[in-house]
Amino acid sequence: MIIRFGVISSGLSVIVPELFRIGGKIKNVDSAQGISLISGSGFLGFLVCPVILGYLAKFSSLHLSFITLLLFTIISLIIAFTLQIRG
């Protein structure tokens, strides 16, 4: 089980620097503003998502909570690739 968490974490750890790189290269946006937007949305997600996932787990099931987390991760990945194609 611990090895699985390590593998997942190593895969997700590549996304954050890529998001900062993409945020700094958005056309017609200052690089500081792009990176601060990415950073701010990351902190917002860090503060809000555990609360949302906890409520989902309490009122429905832990399985639904993990599926929601997976969907948010996939959405973030799609947004990152969309921004990369535009940049």
PDB file of N, CA and C in Angstrom:
ATOM      1  N   MET A   1       0.820  -1.187   0.000  1.00  0.00           N
ATOM      2  CA  MET A   1       0.000   0.000   0.000  1.00  0.00           C
ATOM      3  C   MET A   1       0.869   1.258   0.000  1.00  0.00           C
ATOM      4  N   ILE A   2       1.929   1.257   0.782  1.00  0.00           N
ATOM      5  CA  ILE A   2       2.800   2.435   0.847  1.00  0.00           C
ATOM      6  C   ILE A   2       3.502   2.649  -0.493  1.00  0.00           C
ATOM      7  N   ILE A   3       3.861   1.582  -1.159  1.00  0.00           N
ATOM      8  CA  ILE A   3       4.516   1.710  -2.467  1.00  0.00           C
ATOM      9  C   ILE A   3       3.567   2.355  -3.465  1.00  0.00           C
ATOM     10  N   ARG A   4       2.294   2.032  -3.397  1.00  0.00           N
ATOM     11  CA  ARG A   4       1.306   2.643  -4.305  1.00  0.00           C
ATOM     12  C   ARG A   4       1.223   4.147  -4.089  1.00  0.00           C
ATOM     13  N   PHE A   5       1.196   4.573  -2.822  1.00  0.00           N
ATOM     14  CA  PHE A   5       1.163   6.007  -2.545  1.00  0.00           C
ATOM     15  C   PHE A   5       2.418   6.692  -3.064  1.00  0.00           C
ATOM     16  N   GLY A   6       3.564   6.036  -2.946  1.00  0.00           N
ATOM     17  CA  GLY A   6       4.812   6.596  -3.454  1.00  0.00           C
ATOM     18  C   GLY A   6       4.790   6.762  -4.959  1.00  0.00           C
ATOM     19  N   VAL A   7       4.263   5.776  -5.654  1.00  0.00           N
ATOM     20  CA  VAL A   7       4.192   5.841  -7.116  1.00  0.00           C
ATOM     21  C   VAL A   7       3.232   6.953  -7.556  1.00  0.00           C
ATOM     22  N   ILE A   8       2.085   7.027  -6.901  1.00  0.00           N
ATOM     23  CA  ILE A   8       1.120   8.078  -7.247  1.00  0.00           C
ATOM     24  C   ILE A   8       1.715   9.452  -6.960  1.00  0.00           C
ATOM     25  N   SER A   9       2.372   9.603  -5.822  1.00  0.00           N
ATOM     26  CA  SER A   9       2.965  10.896  -5.461  1.00  0.00           C
ATOM     27  C   SER A   9       4.060  11.305  -6.433  1.00  0.00           C
ATOM     28  N   SER A  10       4.870  10.360  -6.858  1.00  0.00           N
ATOM     29  CA  SER A  10       5.926  10.713  -7.810  1.00  0.00           C
ATOM     30  C   SER A  10       5.339  11.124  -9.159  1.00  0.00           C
ATOM     31  N   GLY A  11       4.213  10.574  -9.527  1.00  0.00           N
ATOM     32  CA  GLY A  11       3.562  10.974 -10.770  1.00  0.00           C
ATOM     33  C   GLY A  11       2.927  12.345 -10.664  1.00  0.00           C
ATOM     34  N   LEU A  12       2.325  12.645  -9.518  1.00  0.00           N
ATOM     35  CA  LEU A  12       1.683  13.944  -9.335  1.00  0.00           C
ATOM     36  C   LEU A  12       2.687  15.054  -9.069  1.00  0.00           C
ATOM     37  N   SER A  13       3.864  14.710  -8.558  1.00  0.00           N
ATOM     38  CA  SER A  13       4.856  15.740  -8.227  1.00  0.00           C
ATOM     39  C   SER A  13       5.406  16.427  -9.469  1.00  0.00           C
ATOM     40  N   VAL A  14       5.251  15.835 -10.625  1.00  0.00           N
ATOM     41  CA  VAL A  14       5.730  16.433 -11.860  1.00  0.00           C
ATOM     42  C   VAL A  14       4.773  17.526 -12.348  1.00  0.00           C
ATOM     43  N   ILE A  15       3.525  17.452 -11.940  1.00  0.00           N
ATOM     44  CA  ILE A  15       2.514  18.368 -12.448  1.00  0.00           C
ATOM     45  C   ILE A  15       2.725  19.787 -11.935  1.00  0.00           C
ATOM     46  N   VAL A  16       3.081  19.949 -10.664  1.00  0.00           N
ATOM     47  CA  VAL A  16       3.164  21.290 -10.071  1.00  0.00           C
ATOM     48  C   VAL A  16       4.225  22.160 -10.758  1.00  0.00           C
ATOM     49  N   PRO A  17       5.464  21.712 -10.938  1.00  0.00           N
ATOM     50  CA  PRO A  17       6.416  22.571 -11.662  1.00  0.00           C
ATOM     51  C   PRO A  17       5.995  22.860 -13.098  1.00  0.00           C
ATOM     52  N   GLU A  18       5.334  21.908 -13.714  1.00  0.00           N
ATOM     53  CA  GLU A  18       4.846  22.120 -15.087  1.00  0.00           C
ATOM     54  C   GLU A  18       3.773  23.203 -15.112  1.00  0.00           C
ATOM     55  N   LEU A  19       2.903  23.205 -14.112  1.00  0.00           N
ATOM     56  CA  LEU A  19       1.882  24.248 -14.039  1.00  0.00           C
ATOM     57  C   LEU A  19       2.506  25.623 -13.842  1.00  0.00           C
ATOM     58  N   PHE A  20       3.529  25.718 -12.999  1.00  0.00           N
ATOM     59  CA  PHE A  20       4.201  27.004 -12.810  1.00  0.00           C
ATOM     60  C   PHE A  20       4.882  27.463 -14.092  1.00  0.00           C
ATOM     61  N   ARG A  21       5.492  26.544 -14.817  1.00  0.00           N
ATOM     62  CA  ARG A  21       6.144  26.895 -16.081  1.00  0.00           C
ATOM     63  C   ARG A  21       5.126  27.402 -17.094  1.00  0.00           C
ATOM     64  N   ILE A  22       4.020  26.698 -17.197  1.00  0.00           N
ATOM     65  CA  ILE A  22       2.977  27.109 -18.135  1.00  0.00           C
ATOM     66  C   ILE A  22       2.369  28.438 -17.711  1.00  0.00           C
ATOM     67  N   GLY A  23       2.153  28.624 -16.403  1.00  0.00           N
ATOM     68  CA  GLY A  23       1.597  29.880 -15.910  1.00  0.00           C
ATOM     69  C   GLY A  23       2.488  31.069 -16.195  1.00  0.00           C
ATOM     70  N   GLY A  24       3.786  30.847 -16.230  1.00  0.00           N
ATOM     71  CA  GLY A  24       4.712  31.935 -16.524  1.00  0.00           C
ATOM     72  C   GLY A  24       4.843  32.263 -17.992  1.00  0.00           C
ATOM     73  N   LYS A  25       4.322  31.405 -18.867  1.00  0.00           N
ATOM     74  CA  LYS A  25       4.465  31.622 -20.309  1.00  0.00           C
ATOM     75  C   LYS A  25       3.155  31.892 -21.034  1.00  0.00           C
ATOM     76  N   ILE A  26       2.116  32.271 -20.309  1.00  0.00           N
ATOM     77  CA  ILE A  26       0.840  32.569 -20.958  1.00  0.00           C
ATOM     78  C   ILE A  26       0.970  33.882 -21.726  1.00  0.00           C
ATOM     79  N   LYS A  27       0.532  33.877 -22.973  1.00  0.00           N
ATOM     80  CA  LYS A  27       0.625  35.077 -23.805  1.00  0.00           C
ATOM     81  C   LYS A  27      -0.275  36.175 -23.268  1.00  0.00           C
ATOM     82  N   ASN A  28       0.183  37.405 -23.379  1.00  0.00           N
ATOM     83  CA  ASN A  28      -0.534  38.610 -22.959  1.00  0.00           C
ATOM     84  C   ASN A  28      -0.796  38.668 -21.458  1.00  0.00           C
ATOM     85  N   VAL A  29      -0.074  37.862 -20.676  1.00  0.00           N
ATOM     86  CA  VAL A  29      -0.186  37.894 -19.219  1.00  0.00           C
ATOM     87  C   VAL A  29       1.227  37.965 -18.668  1.00  0.00           C
ATOM     88  N   ASP A  30       1.441  38.889 -17.729  1.00  0.00           N
ATOM     89  CA  ASP A  30       2.747  39.001 -17.093  1.00  0.00           C
ATOM     90  C   ASP A  30       3.073  37.683 -16.382  1.00  0.00           C
ATOM     91  N   SER A  31       4.326  37.265 -16.438  1.00  0.00           N
ATOM     92  CA  SER A  31       4.694  35.973 -15.860  1.00  0.00           C
ATOM     93  C   SER A  31       4.444  35.932 -14.356  1.00  0.00           C
ATOM     94  N   ALA A  32       4.664  37.055 -13.660  1.00  0.00           N
ATOM     95  CA  ALA A  32       4.401  37.083 -12.221  1.00  0.00           C
ATOM     96  C   ALA A  32       2.918  36.889 -11.924  1.00  0.00           C
ATOM     97  N   GLN A  33       2.062  37.482 -12.745  1.00  0.00           N
ATOM     98  CA  GLN A  33       0.623  37.314 -12.545  1.00  0.00           C
ATOM     99  C   GLN A  33       0.181  35.883 -12.849  1.00  0.00           C
ATOM    100  N   GLY A  34       0.742  35.285 -13.887  1.00  0.00           N
ATOM    101  CA  GLY A  34       0.390  33.908 -14.233  1.00  0.00           C
ATOM    102  C   GLY A  34       0.797  32.928 -13.154  1.00  0.00           C
ATOM    103  N   ILE A  35       2.022  33.092 -12.644  1.00  0.00           N
ATOM    104  CA  ILE A  35       2.504  32.193 -11.600  1.00  0.00           C
ATOM    105  C   ILE A  35       1.734  32.412 -10.304  1.00  0.00           C
ATOM    106  N   SER A  36       1.402  33.680  -9.977  1.00  0.00           N
ATOM    107  CA  SER A  36       0.646  33.927  -8.751  1.00  0.00           C
ATOM    108  C   SER A  36      -0.772  33.375  -8.852  1.00  0.00           C
ATOM    109  N   LEU A  37      -1.353  33.383 -10.045  1.00  0.00           N
ATOM    110  CA  LEU A  37      -2.668  32.784 -10.233  1.00  0.00           C
ATOM    111  C   LEU A  37      -2.614  31.275  -9.993  1.00  0.00           C
ATOM    112  N   ILE A  38      -1.602  30.631 -10.550  1.00  0.00           N
ATOM    113  CA  ILE A  38      -1.435  29.185 -10.343  1.00  0.00           C
ATOM    114  C   ILE A  38      -1.195  28.884  -8.871  1.00  0.00           C
ATOM    115  N   SER A  39      -0.330  29.662  -8.239  1.00  0.00           N
ATOM    116  CA  SER A  39      -0.024  29.447  -6.829  1.00  0.00           C
ATOM    117  C   SER A  39      -1.241  29.693  -5.947  1.00  0.00           C
ATOM    118  N   GLY A  40      -1.963  30.767  -6.225  1.00  0.00           N
ATOM    119  CA  GLY A  40      -3.158  31.073  -5.434  1.00  0.00           C
ATOM    120  C   GLY A  40      -4.239  30.023  -5.576  1.00  0.00           C
ATOM    121  N   SER A  41      -4.431  29.533  -6.788  1.00  0.00           N
ATOM    122  CA  SER A  41      -5.441  28.490  -6.975  1.00  0.00           C
ATOM    123  C   SER A  41      -5.001  27.187  -6.305  1.00  0.00           C
ATOM    124  N   GLY A  42      -3.700  26.939  -6.266  1.00  0.00           N
ATOM    125  CA  GLY A  42      -3.194  25.761  -5.558  1.00  0.00           C
ATOM    126  C   GLY A  42      -3.442  25.848  -4.065  1.00  0.00           C
ATOM    127  N   PHE A  43      -3.177  27.029  -3.482  1.00  0.00           N
ATOM    128  CA  PHE A  43      -3.436  27.208  -2.055  1.00  0.00           C
ATOM    129  C   PHE A  43      -4.933  27.136  -1.752  1.00  0.00           C
ATOM    130  N   LEU A  44      -5.745  27.691  -2.630  1.00  0.00           N
ATOM    131  CA  LEU A  44      -7.189  27.610  -2.439  1.00  0.00           C
ATOM    132  C   LEU A  44      -7.653  26.150  -2.452  1.00  0.00           C
ATOM    133  N   GLY A  45      -7.139  25.387  -3.400  1.00  0.00           N
ATOM    134  CA  GLY A  45      -7.465  23.969  -3.449  1.00  0.00           C
ATOM    135  C   GLY A  45      -6.963  23.212  -2.232  1.00  0.00           C
ATOM    136  N   PHE A  46      -5.787  23.609  -1.736  1.00  0.00           N
ATOM    137  CA  PHE A  46      -5.212  22.973  -0.545  1.00  0.00           C
ATOM    138  C   PHE A  46      -6.083  23.216   0.682  1.00  0.00           C
ATOM    139  N   LEU A  47      -6.726  24.382   0.747  1.00  0.00           N
ATOM    140  CA  LEU A  47      -7.563  24.711   1.898  1.00  0.00           C
ATOM    141  C   LEU A  47      -9.001  24.223   1.755  1.00  0.00           C
ATOM    142  N   VAL A  48      -9.557  24.251   0.553  1.00  0.00           N
ATOM    143  CA  VAL A  48     -10.973  23.966   0.361  1.00  0.00           C
ATOM    144  C   VAL A  48     -11.238  22.485   0.074  1.00  0.00           C
ATOM    145  N   CYS A  49     -10.396  21.852  -0.711  1.00  0.00           N
ATOM    146  CA  CYS A  49     -10.667  20.468  -1.147  1.00  0.00           C
ATOM    147  C   CYS A  49     -10.747  19.459  -0.011  1.00  0.00           C
ATOM    148  N   PRO A  50      -9.887  19.510   1.015  1.00  0.00           N
ATOM    149  CA  PRO A  50     -10.071  18.543   2.107  1.00  0.00           C
ATOM    150  C   PRO A  50     -11.430  18.664   2.799  1.00  0.00           C
ATOM    151  N   VAL A  51     -11.935  19.870   2.904  1.00  0.00           N
ATOM    152  CA  VAL A  51     -13.250  20.066   3.512  1.00  0.00           C
ATOM    153  C   VAL A  51     -14.336  19.435   2.639  1.00  0.00           C
ATOM    154  N   ILE A  52     -14.270  19.693   1.346  1.00  0.00           N
ATOM    155  CA  ILE A  52     -15.267  19.135   0.423  1.00  0.00           C
ATOM    156  C   ILE A  52     -15.196  17.611   0.416  1.00  0.00           C
ATOM    157  N   LEU A  53     -13.988  17.069   0.348  1.00  0.00           N
ATOM    158  CA  LEU A  53     -13.837  15.614   0.328  1.00  0.00           C
ATOM    159  C   LEU A  53     -14.286  14.990   1.643  1.00  0.00           C
ATOM    160  N   GLY A  54     -14.051  15.681   2.753  1.00  0.00           N
ATOM    161  CA  GLY A  54     -14.508  15.178   4.049  1.00  0.00           C
ATOM    162  C   GLY A  54     -16.023  15.135   4.144  1.00  0.00           C
ATOM    163  N   TYR A  55     -16.686  16.182   3.665  1.00  0.00           N
ATOM    164  CA  TYR A  55     -18.155  16.173   3.655  1.00  0.00           C
ATOM    165  C   TYR A  55     -18.701  15.082   2.742  1.00  0.00           C
ATOM    166  N   LEU A  56     -18.086  14.891   1.593  1.00  0.00           N
ATOM    167  CA  LEU A  56     -18.536  13.808   0.707  1.00  0.00           C
ATOM    168  C   LEU A  56     -18.367  12.452   1.374  1.00  0.00           C
ATOM    169  N   ALA A  57     -17.249  12.259   2.049  1.00  0.00           N
ATOM    170  CA  ALA A  57     -17.006  10.981   2.714  1.00  0.00           C
ATOM    171  C   ALA A  57     -17.971  10.769   3.876  1.00  0.00           C
ATOM    172  N   LYS A  58     -18.309  11.845   4.580  1.00  0.00           N
ATOM    173  CA  LYS A  58     -19.208  11.716   5.735  1.00  0.00           C
ATOM    174  C   LYS A  58     -20.640  11.448   5.296  1.00  0.00           C
ATOM    175  N   PHE A  59     -21.113  12.181   4.300  1.00  0.00           N
ATOM    176  CA  PHE A  59     -22.513  12.074   3.921  1.00  0.00           C
ATOM    177  C   PHE A  59     -22.793  11.012   2.865  1.00  0.00           C
ATOM    178  N   SER A  60     -21.781  10.580   2.126  1.00  0.00           N
ATOM    179  CA  SER A  60     -22.020   9.565   1.107  1.00  0.00           C
ATOM    180  C   SER A  60     -21.110   8.363   1.370  1.00  0.00           C
ATOM    181  N   SER A  61     -19.893   8.423   0.818  1.00  0.00           N
ATOM    182  CA  SER A  61     -18.953   7.319   1.038  1.00  0.00           C
ATOM    183  C   SER A  61     -17.534   7.796   0.757  1.00  0.00           C
ATOM    184  N   LEU A  62     -16.595   7.087   1.312  1.00  0.00           N
ATOM    185  CA  LEU A  62     -15.193   7.400   1.060  1.00  0.00           C
ATOM    186  C   LEU A  62     -14.840   7.126  -0.396  1.00  0.00           C
ATOM    187  N   HIS A  63     -15.474   6.144  -0.977  1.00  0.00           N
ATOM    188  CA  HIS A  63     -15.249   5.814  -2.389  1.00  0.00           C
ATOM    189  C   HIS A  63     -15.614   7.001  -3.289  1.00  0.00           C
ATOM    190  N   LEU A  64     -16.743   7.636  -3.036  1.00  0.00           N
ATOM    191  CA  LEU A  64     -17.149   8.810  -3.814  1.00  0.00           C
ATOM    192  C   LEU A  64     -16.157   9.958  -3.616  1.00  0.00           C
ATOM    193  N   SER A  65     -15.646  10.081  -2.410  1.00  0.00           N
ATOM    194  CA  SER A  65     -14.660  11.125  -2.128  1.00  0.00           C
ATOM    195  C   SER A  65     -13.400  10.921  -2.968  1.00  0.00           C
ATOM    196  N   PHE A  66     -12.931   9.686  -3.063  1.00  0.00           N
ATOM    197  CA  PHE A  66     -11.728   9.412  -3.855  1.00  0.00           C
ATOM    198  C   PHE A  66     -11.991   9.566  -5.354  1.00  0.00           C
ATOM    199  N   ILE A  67     -13.171   9.216  -5.805  1.00  0.00           N
ATOM    200  CA  ILE A  67     -13.512   9.411  -7.216  1.00  0.00           C
ATOM    201  C   ILE A  67     -13.545  10.898  -7.551  1.00  0.00           C
ATOM    202  N   THR A  68     -14.083  11.705  -6.641  1.00  0.00           N
ATOM    203  CA  THR A  68     -14.101  13.153  -6.832  1.00  0.00           C
ATOM    204  C   THR A  68     -12.684  13.706  -6.907  1.00  0.00           C
ATOM    205  N   LEU A  69     -11.811  13.224  -6.038  1.00  0.00           N
ATOM    206  CA  LEU A  69     -10.414  13.649  -6.067  1.00  0.00           C
ATOM    207  C   LEU A  69      -9.755  13.276  -7.395  1.00  0.00           C
ATOM    208  N   LEU A  70     -10.036  12.092  -7.884  1.00  0.00           N
ATOM    209  CA  LEU A  70      -9.498  11.675  -9.175  1.00  0.00           C
ATOM    210  C   LEU A  70     -10.018  12.564 -10.304  1.00  0.00           C
ATOM    211  N   LEU A  71     -11.291  12.910 -10.274  1.00  0.00           N
ATOM    212  CA  LEU A  71     -11.858  13.779 -11.311  1.00  0.00           C
ATOM    213  C   LEU A  71     -11.220  15.162 -11.287  1.00  0.00           C
ATOM    214  N   PHE A  72     -11.002  15.732 -10.093  1.00  0.00           N
ATOM    215  CA  PHE A  72     -10.345  17.033 -10.003  1.00  0.00           C
ATOM    216  C   PHE A  72      -8.910  16.963 -10.525  1.00  0.00           C
ATOM    217  N   THR A  73      -8.219  15.865 -10.271  1.00  0.00           N
ATOM    218  CA  THR A  73      -6.858  15.699 -10.774  1.00  0.00           C
ATOM    219  C   THR A  73      -6.844  15.630 -12.296  1.00  0.00           C
ATOM    220  N   ILE A  74      -7.778  14.899 -12.877  1.00  0.00           N
ATOM    221  CA  ILE A  74      -7.860  14.792 -14.339  1.00  0.00           C
ATOM    222  C   ILE A  74      -8.217  16.145 -14.953  1.00  0.00           C
ATOM    223  N   ILE A  75      -9.125  16.883 -14.323  1.00  0.00           N
ATOM    224  CA  ILE A  75      -9.485  18.214 -14.828  1.00  0.00           C
ATOM    225  C   ILE A  75      -8.275  19.138 -14.796  1.00  0.00           C
ATOM    226  N   SER A  76      -7.497  19.082 -13.723  1.00  0.00           N
ATOM    227  CA  SER A  76      -6.281  19.906 -13.631  1.00  0.00           C
ATOM    228  C   SER A  76      -5.282  19.536 -14.717  1.00  0.00           C
ATOM    229  N   LEU A  77      -5.150  18.265 -14.993  1.00  0.00           N
ATOM    230  CA  LEU A  77      -4.240  17.814 -16.037  1.00  0.00           C
ATOM    231  C   LEU A  77      -4.695  18.301 -17.411  1.00  0.00           C
ATOM    232  N   ILE A  78      -5.984  18.235 -17.676  1.00  0.00           N
ATOM    233  CA  ILE A  78      -6.511  18.713 -18.960  1.00  0.00           C
ATOM    234  C   ILE A  78      -6.290  20.213 -19.109  1.00  0.00           C
ATOM    235  N   ILE A  79      -6.520  20.966 -18.050  1.00  0.00           N
ATOM    236  CA  ILE A  79      -6.290  22.409 -18.098  1.00  0.00           C
ATOM    237  C   ILE A  79      -4.824  22.708 -18.348  1.00  0.00           C
ATOM    238  N   ALA A  80      -3.931  21.961 -17.703  1.00  0.00           N
ATOM    239  CA  ALA A  80      -2.494  22.183 -17.903  1.00  0.00           C
ATOM    240  C   ALA A  80      -2.092  21.927 -19.350  1.00  0.00           C
ATOM    241  N   PHE A  81      -2.591  20.850 -19.943  1.00  0.00           N
ATOM    242  CA  PHE A  81      -2.246  20.561 -21.329  1.00  0.00           C
ATOM    243  C   PHE A  81      -2.878  21.570 -22.287  1.00  0.00           C
ATOM    244  N   THR A  82      -4.073  22.051 -21.958  1.00  0.00           N
ATOM    245  CA  THR A  82      -4.703  23.076 -22.801  1.00  0.00           C
ATOM    246  C   THR A  82      -3.899  24.353 -22.785  1.00  0.00           C
ATOM    247  N   LEU A  83      -3.429  24.768 -21.610  1.00  0.00           N
ATOM    248  CA  LEU A  83      -2.605  25.959 -21.525  1.00  0.00           C
ATOM    249  C   LEU A  83      -1.259  25.773 -22.222  1.00  0.00           C
ATOM    250  N   GLN A  84      -0.731  24.553 -22.188  1.00  0.00           N
ATOM    251  CA  GLN A  84       0.539  24.273 -22.850  1.00  0.00           C
ATOM    252  C   GLN A  84       0.390  24.389 -24.371  1.00  0.00           C
ATOM    253  N   ILE A  85      -0.720  23.932 -24.892  1.00  0.00           N
ATOM    254  CA  ILE A  85      -0.956  24.005 -26.335  1.00  0.00           C
ATOM    255  C   ILE A  85      -1.103  25.465 -26.764  1.00  0.00           C
ATOM    256  N   ARG A  86      -1.766  26.281 -25.970  1.00  0.00           N
ATOM    257  CA  ARG A  86      -1.929  27.688 -26.302  1.00  0.00           C
ATOM    258  C   ARG A  86      -0.616  28.441 -26.195  1.00  0.00           C
ATOM    259  N   GLY A  87       0.213  28.087 -25.207  1.00  0.00           N
ATOM    260  CA  GLY A  87       1.473  28.814 -24.966  1.00  0.00           C
ATOM    261  C   GLY A  87       2.507  28.399 -25.931  1.00  0.00           C
TER     262      GLY A  87
END
